[in-house]
Protein backbone atom coordinates (compact mmCIF):
# COMPACT_ATOMS: atom_id res chain seq x y z
CA UNK A 1 99.61 130.16 56.45
CA UNK A 2 96.31 129.98 58.40
CA UNK A 3 93.45 132.11 57.11
CA UNK A 4 90.67 133.93 58.95
CA UNK A 5 92.97 135.03 61.82
CA UNK A 6 95.92 137.31 61.79
CA UNK A 7 99.23 135.45 62.26
CA UNK A 8 101.94 137.20 64.24
CA UNK A 9 105.47 135.86 64.06
CA UNK A 10 106.96 135.48 67.54
CA UNK A 11 109.58 138.03 68.39
CA UNK A 12 113.16 137.01 69.10
CA UNK A 13 112.83 138.22 72.71
CA UNK A 14 109.63 136.19 73.24
CA UNK A 15 111.26 133.08 71.81
CA UNK A 16 114.27 133.53 74.07
CA UNK A 17 112.05 133.81 77.13
CA UNK A 18 110.09 130.72 76.05
CA UNK A 19 113.23 128.65 75.52
CA UNK A 20 114.55 129.72 78.92
CA UNK A 21 111.28 128.69 80.57
CA UNK A 22 111.32 125.29 78.89
CA UNK A 23 114.91 124.71 79.96
CA UNK A 24 114.01 125.62 83.52
CA UNK A 25 111.16 123.10 83.51
CA UNK A 26 113.49 120.42 82.21
CA UNK A 27 116.17 120.83 84.84
CA UNK A 28 118.09 117.60 84.82
CA UNK A 29 121.50 116.05 84.49
CA UNK A 30 123.08 116.76 81.10
CA UNK A 31 125.19 113.84 79.83
CA UNK A 32 128.81 114.69 79.04
CA UNK A 33 131.54 112.72 77.30
CA UNK A 34 132.47 109.53 79.10
CA UNK A 35 129.10 109.19 80.82
CA UNK A 36 129.64 111.87 83.49
CA UNK A 37 126.90 114.36 84.23
CA UNK A 38 126.60 118.02 85.01
CA UNK A 39 123.82 119.71 86.94
CA UNK A 40 121.91 122.48 85.22
CA UNK A 41 121.06 125.08 87.86
CA UNK A 42 117.81 127.06 87.48
CA UNK A 43 118.58 130.76 88.00
CA UNK A 44 121.77 129.85 89.89
CA UNK A 45 120.04 127.71 92.52
CA UNK A 46 121.49 126.95 94.95
CA UNK A 47 123.68 129.96 95.56
CA UNK A 48 123.95 129.61 99.35
CA UNK A 49 124.10 126.77 101.90
CA UNK A 50 121.24 124.30 102.27
CA UNK A 51 120.11 122.83 105.58
CA UNK A 52 119.04 119.27 106.33
CA UNK A 53 116.97 119.07 109.53
CA UNK A 54 117.42 115.72 111.26
CA UNK A 55 114.68 115.01 113.84
CA UNK A 56 116.93 112.65 115.81
CA UNK A 57 120.05 112.98 117.93
CA UNK A 58 123.63 112.99 116.67
CA UNK A 59 125.20 109.58 116.15
CA UNK A 60 122.00 107.73 115.24
CA UNK A 61 121.31 106.13 111.88
CA UNK A 62 119.33 109.11 110.57
CA UNK A 63 122.14 111.46 111.57
CA UNK A 64 124.83 109.30 109.98
CA UNK A 65 122.78 108.97 106.79
CA UNK A 66 122.19 112.72 106.56
CA UNK A 67 125.85 113.57 107.02
CA UNK A 68 126.90 110.99 104.43
CA UNK A 69 124.39 112.20 101.85
CA UNK A 70 125.20 115.86 102.65
CA UNK A 71 128.84 115.32 101.70
CA UNK A 72 127.83 113.87 98.33
CA UNK A 73 125.12 116.50 97.80
CA UNK A 74 127.71 119.25 98.25
CA UNK A 75 129.67 117.86 95.32
CA UNK A 76 126.55 117.45 93.19
CA UNK A 77 125.11 120.90 93.92
CA UNK A 78 128.31 122.89 94.34
CA UNK A 79 126.95 124.36 97.58
CA UNK A 80 127.44 123.74 101.28
CA UNK A 81 124.91 121.43 102.96
CA UNK A 82 124.51 121.84 106.72
CA UNK A 83 123.09 119.16 109.02
CA UNK A 84 121.11 120.36 112.04
CA UNK A 85 119.79 117.95 114.68
CA UNK A 86 116.40 118.71 116.26
CA UNK A 87 115.54 115.59 118.33
CA UNK A 88 112.45 115.09 120.44
CA UNK A 89 108.91 113.68 120.48
CA UNK A 90 109.96 110.50 118.63
CA UNK A 91 111.10 112.46 115.59
CA UNK A 92 108.18 114.89 115.42
CA UNK A 93 109.65 117.86 117.33
CA UNK A 94 111.44 119.11 114.21
CA UNK A 95 108.30 119.22 112.05
CA UNK A 96 107.07 122.73 113.08
CA UNK A 97 110.44 124.26 112.19
CA UNK A 98 110.43 122.49 108.85
CA UNK A 99 106.87 123.57 108.06
CA UNK A 100 107.70 127.18 108.99
CA UNK A 101 110.70 127.34 106.65
CA UNK A 102 110.42 129.26 103.34
CA UNK A 103 109.39 127.07 100.42
CA UNK A 104 112.54 127.94 98.51
CA UNK A 105 114.34 124.59 98.41
CA UNK A 106 117.03 125.49 100.91
CA UNK A 107 115.53 123.47 103.78
CA UNK A 108 115.25 119.67 103.70
CA UNK A 109 113.82 117.33 106.32
CA UNK A 110 115.21 113.87 106.89
CA UNK A 111 112.65 111.46 108.27
CA UNK A 112 111.72 107.79 108.47
CA UNK A 113 108.52 105.75 108.28
CA UNK A 114 107.68 106.97 111.78
CA UNK A 115 106.14 110.09 110.19
CA UNK A 116 103.57 108.17 108.09
CA UNK A 117 102.87 106.00 111.14
CA UNK A 118 102.18 109.03 113.32
CA UNK A 119 99.98 110.55 110.62
CA UNK A 120 98.00 107.31 110.37
CA UNK A 121 97.59 107.32 114.16
CA UNK A 122 96.37 110.93 114.18
CA UNK A 123 99.47 112.15 116.03
CA UNK A 124 100.85 114.20 113.13
CA UNK A 125 98.60 116.72 111.32
CA UNK A 126 100.74 116.82 108.18
CA UNK A 127 100.37 114.07 105.61
CA UNK A 128 103.96 113.16 104.55
CA UNK A 129 102.70 112.14 101.11
CA UNK A 130 100.84 115.42 100.46
CA UNK A 131 101.98 118.19 102.81
CA UNK A 132 105.63 117.27 102.26
CA UNK A 133 107.35 116.64 98.92
CA UNK A 134 109.45 113.46 98.97
CA UNK A 135 112.71 113.99 97.08
CA UNK A 136 113.44 110.29 97.42
CA UNK A 137 114.41 107.47 99.74
CA UNK A 138 118.09 106.84 100.35
CA UNK A 139 117.78 103.76 102.54
CA UNK A 140 115.27 100.92 102.63
CA UNK A 141 115.80 97.87 104.79
CA UNK A 142 114.01 95.00 106.52
CA UNK A 143 113.83 93.48 109.99
CA UNK A 144 114.85 90.07 111.28
CA UNK A 145 114.39 88.05 114.44
CA UNK A 146 117.66 87.05 116.11
CA UNK A 147 118.55 84.54 118.83
CA UNK A 148 121.76 83.62 120.67
CA UNK A 149 123.78 80.95 118.90
CA UNK A 150 124.09 77.84 121.02
CA UNK A 151 120.76 78.25 122.83
CA UNK A 152 119.89 74.68 123.84
CA UNK A 153 116.15 75.31 123.52
CA UNK A 154 116.09 76.28 119.84
CA UNK A 155 118.49 77.00 116.98
CA UNK A 156 116.22 77.95 114.06
CA UNK A 157 112.74 79.33 113.41
CA UNK A 158 111.04 75.93 113.41
CA UNK A 159 112.37 74.93 116.84
CA UNK A 160 111.87 78.47 118.14
CA UNK A 161 108.19 78.47 117.10
CA UNK A 162 107.68 74.99 118.60
CA UNK A 163 109.13 76.15 121.90
CA UNK A 164 107.00 79.33 121.87
CA UNK A 165 103.81 77.34 121.30
CA UNK A 166 104.52 75.06 124.25
CA UNK A 167 105.48 78.01 126.47
CA UNK A 168 102.80 80.62 125.67
CA UNK A 169 103.75 84.10 126.77
CA UNK A 170 107.12 83.00 128.15
CA UNK A 171 109.29 83.85 125.14
CA UNK A 172 110.74 87.32 125.65
CA UNK A 173 111.65 89.42 122.62
CA UNK A 174 113.51 92.71 122.84
CA UNK A 175 111.81 95.46 120.88
CA UNK A 176 111.61 99.24 120.89
CA UNK A 177 109.54 100.92 123.59
CA UNK A 178 108.06 104.40 123.10
CA UNK A 179 108.77 104.65 119.37
CA UNK A 180 109.41 102.17 116.58
CA UNK A 181 105.96 101.90 115.04
CA UNK A 182 107.25 99.72 112.21
CA UNK A 183 108.71 97.10 114.55
CA UNK A 184 105.67 96.95 116.82
CA UNK A 185 103.21 96.80 113.92
CA UNK A 186 105.12 94.02 112.13
CA UNK A 187 105.37 91.98 115.32
CA UNK A 188 101.64 92.43 115.94
CA UNK A 189 100.83 91.03 112.49
CA UNK A 190 103.37 88.22 112.82
CA UNK A 191 101.81 87.08 116.09
CA UNK A 192 98.41 86.91 114.41
CA UNK A 193 99.82 84.76 111.62
CA UNK A 194 101.89 82.29 113.66
CA UNK A 195 99.34 81.78 116.42
CA UNK A 196 101.45 82.60 119.47
CA UNK A 197 102.40 85.78 121.30
CA UNK A 198 105.74 87.15 122.34
CA UNK A 199 106.37 88.78 125.67
CA UNK A 200 107.70 92.07 124.31
CA UNK A 201 110.35 93.83 126.41
CA UNK A 202 110.78 97.45 125.36
CA UNK A 203 114.15 99.19 125.16
CA UNK A 204 114.53 102.54 123.43
CA UNK A 205 118.30 102.34 123.93
CA UNK A 206 119.68 100.08 121.22
CA UNK A 207 122.73 99.02 123.23
CA UNK A 208 120.45 97.81 126.02
CA UNK A 209 118.38 95.77 123.54
CA UNK A 210 121.45 94.04 122.19
CA UNK A 211 122.93 93.41 125.65
CA UNK A 212 119.62 91.90 126.77
CA UNK A 213 119.82 89.24 124.06
CA UNK A 214 123.52 88.51 124.40
CA UNK A 215 123.28 88.39 128.19
CA UNK A 216 120.23 86.12 128.23
CA UNK A 217 117.71 88.59 129.68
CA UNK A 218 115.53 88.00 126.60
CA UNK A 219 115.18 85.08 124.21
CA UNK A 220 115.07 86.96 120.90
CA UNK A 221 115.53 90.37 119.32
CA UNK A 222 113.69 92.19 116.53
CA UNK A 223 116.08 94.48 114.65
CA UNK A 224 117.45 95.46 111.25
CA UNK A 225 120.60 93.66 110.04
CA UNK A 226 122.64 96.82 109.57
CA UNK A 227 122.20 97.75 113.21
CA UNK A 228 123.58 94.45 114.49
CA UNK A 229 126.13 93.72 111.75
CA UNK A 230 129.05 93.63 114.19
CA UNK A 231 127.23 91.10 116.41
CA UNK A 232 126.44 88.92 113.41
CA UNK A 233 130.06 88.98 112.28
CA UNK A 234 131.29 88.10 115.78
CA UNK A 235 128.80 85.23 116.06
CA UNK A 236 126.95 86.70 119.05
CA UNK A 237 123.61 86.77 117.21
CA UNK A 238 121.93 84.48 114.70
CA UNK A 239 119.03 85.40 112.37
CA UNK A 240 116.19 82.88 112.26
CA UNK A 241 113.45 84.80 110.40
CA UNK A 242 113.51 87.58 107.79
CA UNK A 243 110.57 89.98 107.57
CA UNK A 244 110.77 90.51 103.83
CA UNK A 245 109.21 89.11 100.67
CA UNK A 246 112.29 87.14 99.58
CA UNK A 247 115.62 86.01 100.97
CA UNK A 248 118.20 88.81 100.61
CA UNK A 249 121.77 88.18 99.55
CA UNK A 250 123.78 86.88 102.46
CA UNK A 251 120.70 85.47 104.18
CA UNK A 252 119.73 82.76 101.71
CA UNK A 253 119.42 80.11 104.44
CA UNK A 254 117.14 82.24 106.64
CA UNK A 255 113.39 81.74 105.98
CA UNK A 256 111.15 84.70 105.30
CA UNK A 257 107.69 85.29 106.72
CA UNK A 258 106.29 84.06 103.41
CA UNK A 259 108.34 80.87 103.63
CA UNK A 260 106.58 80.02 106.90
CA UNK A 261 103.16 80.87 105.44
CA UNK A 262 102.72 84.17 107.26
CA UNK A 263 101.77 86.50 104.42
CA UNK A 264 100.84 90.07 105.41
CA UNK A 265 101.60 93.63 104.33
CA UNK A 266 105.15 94.07 105.59
CA UNK A 267 106.35 97.44 106.79
CA UNK A 268 109.93 98.36 105.93
CA UNK A 269 112.33 100.80 107.52
CA UNK A 270 112.98 103.67 105.13
CA UNK A 271 114.88 106.92 105.48
CA UNK A 272 114.43 109.75 103.03
CA UNK A 273 114.41 113.48 102.44
CA UNK A 274 111.55 115.91 102.03
CA UNK A 275 111.06 119.53 100.98
CA UNK A 276 107.92 121.64 101.09
CA UNK A 277 105.54 121.18 98.15
CA UNK A 278 105.59 124.93 97.40
CA UNK A 279 109.22 124.83 96.24
CA UNK A 280 109.32 125.91 92.56
CA UNK A 281 109.38 122.97 90.19
CA UNK A 282 112.78 123.72 88.61
CA UNK A 283 114.36 123.68 92.06
CA UNK A 284 112.51 120.48 92.97
CA UNK A 285 113.88 118.83 89.86
CA UNK A 286 117.37 120.01 90.69
CA UNK A 287 117.18 118.60 94.20
CA UNK A 288 115.68 115.30 93.06
CA UNK A 289 118.43 114.87 90.47
CA UNK A 290 121.11 115.90 92.95
CA UNK A 291 119.84 113.38 95.53
CA UNK A 292 119.94 110.60 92.94
CA UNK A 293 123.48 111.57 91.91
CA UNK A 294 124.58 111.78 95.56
CA UNK A 295 123.09 108.34 96.25
CA UNK A 296 124.90 106.91 93.22
CA UNK A 297 128.27 108.36 94.24
CA UNK A 298 131.02 105.92 95.17
CA UNK A 299 131.37 107.53 98.60
CA UNK A 300 127.71 107.11 99.52
CA UNK A 301 127.51 103.60 98.10
CA UNK A 302 130.45 102.67 100.31
CA UNK A 303 128.59 104.13 103.30
CA UNK A 304 125.43 102.17 102.49
CA UNK A 305 127.41 98.94 102.14
CA UNK A 306 129.06 99.61 105.48
CA UNK A 307 125.61 100.00 107.06
CA UNK A 308 124.26 96.88 105.27
CA UNK A 309 121.77 99.06 103.39
CA UNK A 310 122.58 97.46 100.04
CA UNK A 311 120.96 94.09 100.67
CA UNK A 312 117.71 95.09 98.96
CA UNK A 313 117.00 97.98 96.55
CA UNK A 314 117.40 101.04 98.77
CA UNK A 315 116.72 104.01 96.48
CA UNK A 316 113.29 105.36 95.61
CA UNK A 317 112.54 108.29 93.30
CA UNK A 318 109.94 110.93 94.17
CA UNK A 319 107.16 108.92 92.54
CA UNK A 320 108.29 105.64 94.08
CA UNK A 321 108.81 107.20 97.50
CA UNK A 322 105.37 108.83 97.44
CA UNK A 323 103.73 105.51 96.53
CA UNK A 324 105.62 103.79 99.37
CA UNK A 325 104.51 106.45 101.85
CA UNK A 326 100.87 106.23 100.78
CA UNK A 327 100.93 102.44 101.01
CA UNK A 328 102.50 102.50 104.47
CA UNK A 329 99.90 105.00 105.71
CA UNK A 330 97.11 102.65 104.58
CA UNK A 331 98.85 99.68 106.20
CA UNK A 332 99.41 101.48 109.50
CA UNK A 333 95.77 102.59 109.59
CA UNK A 334 94.57 99.03 109.09
CA UNK A 335 96.90 97.66 111.77
CA UNK A 336 96.04 100.40 114.24
CA UNK A 337 92.35 99.62 113.84
CA UNK A 338 93.12 96.02 114.79
CA UNK A 339 95.45 96.98 117.63
CA UNK A 340 92.90 99.31 119.21
CA UNK A 341 93.49 102.40 121.33
CA UNK A 342 96.62 100.99 123.01
CA UNK A 343 98.62 101.18 119.78
């Protein structure tokens, strides 16, 4: 027993409150027999429906992702999860509504790397790594350059690059127009590395981009493999360059930017979910754990395979997602300084 100070034994009620507080701080998935898991809910959270705000229109990749993860989240949380589309301003129109929501964990924002890009460009006042709390990334993917099979001028990256160097400015590549910071930034860096420029033709409508390549209006296309999976399967498109650090499964014969000696900080397409940083920690932990469980579910894994989002590791925890966001902000800032005011 210590001397010099009076020692008071904790009361049973105090100990009970302390244990309850510790349990709340350690909200997690409790292992059960057979390896299954059960969510521990802090103070009954959630006890009413949650809302995922999607800043893009219905039917797009962000919408499809949100509805797929919502179905799995409902099972994990035992609560309804609503998906509300708020499109506009290249994904930024939904931000004021999200920022105005109560910091209670019932409102989530789905977003992509466009948010960090807009913050880096000074077009978004909120820092997605600080002013939002990343629950995690559910999809991470890469871009590729595609051509038409059977093009007599070139059939791989080597012959494509040789043709582009002898026809400066003539090679047309379909890309996004008013949005798509990741695609435009990667193409800007690639041009610097390979020593020739593309004639970029902007299409915000994906179907028009794909038709332009297939119909011969452009010579190449910059896109993600999941978006053109049906065209790859039907043999209407052929990948010739992968914008990633290594060759993903299924694309072992396609060179990467590093294979051709064009090493630069690649920007990836990622889609994730945010809450406000003021959400109480026990609720944050619940949502982070629920998102991981939803991502791991058989139903969502089937969805990700269907969208070709399984080719590289496509889940990031809060810590990993935050590091990815911070890194992409730095990369966008550097590229935008090089691109100048016409970014």
